[in-house]
Amino acid sequence: MNKNSYKSMLEAIQAFHDKHDFKNNGGEDLAYRVALMAEELGEISACVTKGKSKKDLAEESADLLILLMGTAISADFDLNEAFWQKLEKINQRKSKIVNGKIRVSEFRGVEK
């Protein structure tokens, strides 16, 4: 297994889903998965706001990545392809400083 390969990561997550029979036990329900991702994002936020270690932040970020990749499996879309398409799209955008922080967004409905 190549631990630097998206394909290997996806296969490992698929094996995890299969091991626990997510498909037949509600683990691939998209609304449920969104709730789990929101929970993990809250844990990432807690790491930052409570000054937890980088190790804790990395672990919680990995949880979210695993859930995101598992959601791609559950919803049957190619997250790798979606990633590269989105990155190409956002690379075409201009950045703007908003409240002292850089934003790269479409800025819909906002004067430029």
C-alpha atoms as a PDB file:
ATOM      1  CA  MET A   1       0.000   0.000   0.000  1.00  0.00           C
ATOM      2  CA  ASN A   2       1.324   3.402  -0.996  1.00  0.00           C
ATOM      3  CA  LYS A   3       0.470   5.679   1.925  1.00  0.00           C
ATOM      4  CA  ASN A   4       1.025   8.724  -0.317  1.00  0.00           C
ATOM      5  CA  SER A   5      -1.643   7.627  -2.781  1.00  0.00           C
ATOM      6  CA  TYR A   6      -5.209   8.952  -2.852  1.00  0.00           C
ATOM      7  CA  LYS A   7      -6.253   5.622  -4.363  1.00  0.00           C
ATOM      8  CA  SER A   8      -4.772   3.702  -1.412  1.00  0.00           C
ATOM      9  CA  MET A   9      -6.520   6.007   1.061  1.00  0.00           C
ATOM     10  CA  LEU A  10      -9.841   5.506  -0.722  1.00  0.00           C
ATOM     11  CA  GLU A  11      -9.374   1.732  -0.785  1.00  0.00           C
ATOM     12  CA  ALA A  12      -8.613   1.701   2.958  1.00  0.00           C
ATOM     13  CA  ILE A  13     -11.750   3.723   3.701  1.00  0.00           C
ATOM     14  CA  GLN A  14     -13.820   1.430   1.461  1.00  0.00           C
ATOM     15  CA  ALA A  15     -12.435  -1.553   3.390  1.00  0.00           C
ATOM     16  CA  PHE A  16     -13.456   0.151   6.652  1.00  0.00           C
ATOM     17  CA  HIS A  17     -16.981   0.716   5.282  1.00  0.00           C
ATOM     18  CA  ASP A  18     -17.157  -2.914   4.161  1.00  0.00           C
ATOM     19  CA  LYS A  19     -15.827  -4.248   7.480  1.00  0.00           C
ATOM     20  CA  HIS A  20     -18.593  -2.478   9.396  1.00  0.00           C
ATOM     21  CA  ASP A  21     -21.229  -2.929   6.654  1.00  0.00           C
ATOM     22  CA  PHE A  22     -21.954   0.792   6.487  1.00  0.00           C
ATOM     23  CA  LYS A  23     -24.167   0.302   3.430  1.00  0.00           C
ATOM     24  CA  ASN A  24     -26.673  -1.853   5.335  1.00  0.00           C
ATOM     25  CA  ASN A  25     -26.393  -0.184   8.739  1.00  0.00           C
ATOM     26  CA  GLY A  26     -27.060   3.496   8.003  1.00  0.00           C
ATOM     27  CA  GLY A  27     -23.398   4.475   7.838  1.00  0.00           C
ATOM     28  CA  GLU A  28     -23.731   5.759   4.279  1.00  0.00           C
ATOM     29  CA  ASP A  29     -26.796   7.936   4.943  1.00  0.00           C
ATOM     30  CA  LEU A  30     -25.742  11.365   3.698  1.00  0.00           C
ATOM     31  CA  ALA A  31     -27.614  13.413   6.322  1.00  0.00           C
ATOM     32  CA  TYR A  32     -25.981  11.294   9.037  1.00  0.00           C
ATOM     33  CA  ARG A  33     -22.571  11.788   7.433  1.00  0.00           C
ATOM     34  CA  VAL A  34     -23.071  15.573   7.307  1.00  0.00           C
ATOM     35  CA  ALA A  35     -23.867  15.553  11.027  1.00  0.00           C
ATOM     36  CA  LEU A  36     -20.690  13.556  11.702  1.00  0.00           C
ATOM     37  CA  MET A  37     -18.628  16.003   9.623  1.00  0.00           C
ATOM     38  CA  ALA A  38     -20.118  18.950  11.542  1.00  0.00           C
ATOM     39  CA  GLU A  39     -19.159  17.206  14.784  1.00  0.00           C
ATOM     40  CA  GLU A  40     -15.596  16.693  13.560  1.00  0.00           C
ATOM     41  CA  LEU A  41     -15.355  20.317  12.431  1.00  0.00           C
ATOM     42  CA  GLY A  42     -16.410  21.312  15.953  1.00  0.00           C
ATOM     43  CA  GLU A  43     -13.600  19.168  17.348  1.00  0.00           C
ATOM     44  CA  ILE A  44     -11.122  20.862  14.987  1.00  0.00           C
ATOM     45  CA  SER A  45     -12.419  24.231  16.163  1.00  0.00           C
ATOM     46  CA  ALA A  46     -11.955  23.178  19.777  1.00  0.00           C
ATOM     47  CA  CYS A  47      -8.357  22.218  19.043  1.00  0.00           C
ATOM     48  CA  VAL A  48      -7.660  25.701  17.725  1.00  0.00           C
ATOM     49  CA  THR A  49      -9.666  27.747  20.221  1.00  0.00           C
ATOM     50  CA  LYS A  50      -8.516  25.753  23.249  1.00  0.00           C
ATOM     51  CA  GLY A  51      -4.861  25.669  22.202  1.00  0.00           C
ATOM     52  CA  LYS A  52      -4.632  21.906  21.905  1.00  0.00           C
ATOM     53  CA  SER A  53      -1.549  20.287  20.403  1.00  0.00           C
ATOM     54  CA  LYS A  54      -0.784  19.973  16.696  1.00  0.00           C
ATOM     55  CA  LYS A  55      -1.040  16.221  17.171  1.00  0.00           C
ATOM     56  CA  ASP A  56      -4.650  16.613  18.351  1.00  0.00           C
ATOM     57  CA  LEU A  57      -5.394  18.985  15.475  1.00  0.00           C
ATOM     58  CA  ALA A  58      -3.885  16.537  12.986  1.00  0.00           C
ATOM     59  CA  GLU A  59      -5.946  13.660  14.396  1.00  0.00           C
ATOM     60  CA  GLU A  60      -9.222  15.601  14.221  1.00  0.00           C
ATOM     61  CA  SER A  61      -8.375  16.815  10.706  1.00  0.00           C
ATOM     62  CA  ALA A  62      -7.726  13.219   9.675  1.00  0.00           C
ATOM     63  CA  ASP A  63     -11.140  12.252  11.078  1.00  0.00           C
ATOM     64  CA  LEU A  64     -12.762  14.894   8.878  1.00  0.00           C
ATOM     65  CA  LEU A  65     -10.781  13.798   5.811  1.00  0.00           C
ATOM     66  CA  ILE A  66     -11.815  10.176   6.375  1.00  0.00           C
ATOM     67  CA  LEU A  67     -15.449  11.251   6.646  1.00  0.00           C
ATOM     68  CA  LEU A  68     -15.180  13.396   3.495  1.00  0.00           C
ATOM     69  CA  MET A  69     -13.651  10.578   1.509  1.00  0.00           C
ATOM     70  CA  GLY A  70     -16.222   8.161   2.912  1.00  0.00           C
ATOM     71  CA  THR A  71     -18.956  10.550   1.841  1.00  0.00           C
ATOM     72  CA  ALA A  72     -17.587  10.428  -1.707  1.00  0.00           C
ATOM     73  CA  ILE A  73     -17.870   6.638  -1.500  1.00  0.00           C
ATOM     74  CA  SER A  74     -21.391   6.821  -0.063  1.00  0.00           C
ATOM     75  CA  ALA A  75     -22.622   9.370  -2.626  1.00  0.00           C
ATOM     76  CA  ASP A  76     -20.688   7.726  -5.464  1.00  0.00           C
ATOM     77  CA  PHE A  77     -18.689  10.670  -6.753  1.00  0.00           C
ATOM     78  CA  ASP A  78     -15.007  11.081  -7.559  1.00  0.00           C
ATOM     79  CA  LEU A  79     -13.656  13.389  -4.850  1.00  0.00           C
ATOM     80  CA  ASN A  80     -10.200  13.415  -6.427  1.00  0.00           C
ATOM     81  CA  GLU A  81     -11.634  14.709  -9.712  1.00  0.00           C
ATOM     82  CA  ALA A  82     -13.889  17.193  -7.878  1.00  0.00           C
ATOM     83  CA  PHE A  83     -10.858  18.453  -5.931  1.00  0.00           C
ATOM     84  CA  TRP A  84      -8.820  19.192  -9.061  1.00  0.00           C
ATOM     85  CA  GLN A  85     -11.781  20.798 -10.852  1.00  0.00           C
ATOM     86  CA  LYS A  86     -12.526  23.036  -7.869  1.00  0.00           C
ATOM     87  CA  LEU A  87      -8.883  23.985  -7.379  1.00  0.00           C
ATOM     88  CA  GLU A  88      -8.634  24.996 -11.028  1.00  0.00           C
ATOM     89  CA  LYS A  89     -11.794  27.083 -10.623  1.00  0.00           C
ATOM     90  CA  ILE A  90     -10.683  28.879  -7.458  1.00  0.00           C
ATOM     91  CA  ASN A  91      -7.227  29.510  -8.897  1.00  0.00           C
ATOM     92  CA  GLN A  92      -8.972  31.795 -11.407  1.00  0.00           C
ATOM     93  CA  ARG A  93     -10.457  33.964  -8.656  1.00  0.00           C
ATOM     94  CA  LYS A  94      -9.012  37.171  -7.306  1.00  0.00           C
ATOM     95  CA  SER A  95      -8.322  37.573  -3.632  1.00  0.00           C
ATOM     96  CA  LYS A  96      -9.624  40.310  -1.390  1.00  0.00           C
ATOM     97  CA  ILE A  97      -8.782  41.391   2.147  1.00  0.00           C
ATOM     98  CA  VAL A  98     -11.890  41.151   4.333  1.00  0.00           C
ATOM     99  CA  ASN A  99     -11.627  42.198   7.980  1.00  0.00           C
ATOM    100  CA  GLY A 100      -7.842  42.017   7.733  1.00  0.00           C
ATOM    101  CA  LYS A 101      -7.769  38.450   6.379  1.00  0.00           C
ATOM    102  CA  ILE A 102      -7.380  37.242   2.821  1.00  0.00           C
ATOM    103  CA  ARG A 103     -10.413  35.725   1.094  1.00  0.00           C
ATOM    104  CA  VAL A 104     -10.537  34.026  -2.267  1.00  0.00           C
ATOM    105  CA  SER A 105     -14.204  33.889  -3.132  1.00  0.00           C
ATOM    106  CA  GLU A 106     -16.659  34.754  -5.869  1.00  0.00           C
ATOM    107  CA  PHE A 107     -17.836  37.693  -3.717  1.00  0.00           C
ATOM    108  CA  ARG A 108     -21.377  37.454  -5.051  1.00  0.00           C
ATOM    109  CA  GLY A 109     -23.481  40.453  -4.194  1.00  0.00           C
ATOM    110  CA  VAL A 110     -20.496  42.313  -2.737  1.00  0.00           C
ATOM    111  CA  GLU A 111     -19.064  45.435  -4.312  1.00  0.00           C
ATOM    112  CA  LYS A 112     -15.592  44.918  -5.657  1.00  0.00           C
END
